């Protein structure tokens, strides 16, 4: 988190209304990562990586604005 703070990154609980596009960067996987194959998760969402917890909620929030 210190590196993120140094770059000016801020944690938020919601997606601000003036943001319509979010660039999702690939999370690093290792031999303990496992692809999530249940529900409506996008392909290559991985258990054990930080983005796996946020991709679905971000997608749903942005789709709700269309």
Protein backbone atom coordinates (compact mmCIF):
# COMPACT_ATOMS: atom_id res chain seq x y z
CA UNK A 1 0.00 0.00 0.00
CA UNK A 2 2.89 2.39 0.58
CA UNK A 3 3.78 2.23 -3.12
CA UNK A 4 0.18 3.04 -4.05
CA UNK A 5 0.07 5.98 -1.64
CA UNK A 6 3.28 7.33 -3.19
CA UNK A 7 1.63 7.25 -6.63
CA UNK A 8 -1.42 9.15 -5.39
CA UNK A 9 -3.81 6.19 -5.56
CA UNK A 10 -6.89 6.50 -3.37
CA UNK A 11 -9.16 3.72 -2.15
CA UNK A 12 -12.89 4.30 -2.63
CA UNK A 13 -16.03 2.43 -1.61
CA UNK A 14 -17.89 3.24 -4.84
CA UNK A 15 -17.20 4.18 -8.44
CA UNK A 16 -17.55 7.97 -8.86
CA UNK A 17 -20.41 8.91 -11.22
CA UNK A 18 -18.13 10.81 -13.61
CA UNK A 19 -16.13 7.66 -14.42
CA UNK A 20 -17.48 5.59 -17.32
CA UNK A 21 -14.46 3.48 -18.24
CA UNK A 22 -12.09 1.62 -15.95
CA UNK A 23 -8.90 -0.06 -17.14
CA UNK A 24 -8.50 -3.39 -15.37
CA UNK A 25 -4.91 -4.55 -15.26
CA UNK A 26 -3.99 -8.22 -15.28
CA UNK A 27 -3.28 -9.61 -11.83
CA UNK A 28 -0.22 -11.70 -11.28
CA UNK A 29 -1.00 -15.41 -10.97
CA UNK A 30 1.05 -18.16 -9.43
CA UNK A 31 0.76 -21.94 -9.09
CA UNK A 32 -1.82 -21.45 -6.31
CA UNK A 33 -4.19 -19.38 -8.47
CA UNK A 34 -7.35 -21.00 -9.80
CA UNK A 35 -9.75 -19.71 -12.46
CA UNK A 36 -13.29 -18.93 -11.25
CA UNK A 37 -15.63 -21.00 -13.40
CA UNK A 38 -18.93 -20.55 -11.56
CA UNK A 39 -21.60 -17.92 -12.04
CA UNK A 40 -21.23 -15.10 -14.55
CA UNK A 41 -17.59 -14.23 -13.88
CA UNK A 42 -15.66 -13.06 -16.97
CA UNK A 43 -13.10 -15.52 -18.38
CA UNK A 44 -9.74 -15.62 -16.60
CA UNK A 45 -10.98 -14.19 -13.28
CA UNK A 46 -8.70 -15.89 -10.81
CA UNK A 47 -9.24 -16.90 -7.20
CA UNK A 48 -6.38 -15.75 -5.03
CA UNK A 49 -5.68 -12.54 -6.95
CA UNK A 50 -6.81 -9.07 -5.79
CA UNK A 51 -8.78 -8.29 -8.95
CA UNK A 52 -10.92 -11.40 -8.63
CA UNK A 53 -12.75 -9.71 -5.78
CA UNK A 54 -13.50 -6.52 -7.73
CA UNK A 55 -14.00 -7.32 -11.43
CA UNK A 56 -17.62 -8.48 -11.11
CA UNK A 57 -18.77 -5.61 -8.89
CA UNK A 58 -17.09 -3.00 -11.13
CA UNK A 59 -18.66 -4.51 -14.25
CA UNK A 60 -22.12 -4.57 -12.67
CA UNK A 61 -21.82 -0.97 -11.46
CA UNK A 62 -20.80 0.29 -14.91
CA UNK A 63 -23.43 -1.78 -16.73
CA UNK A 64 -26.06 -0.27 -14.43
CA UNK A 65 -25.22 3.18 -15.82
CA UNK A 66 -25.98 2.28 -19.44
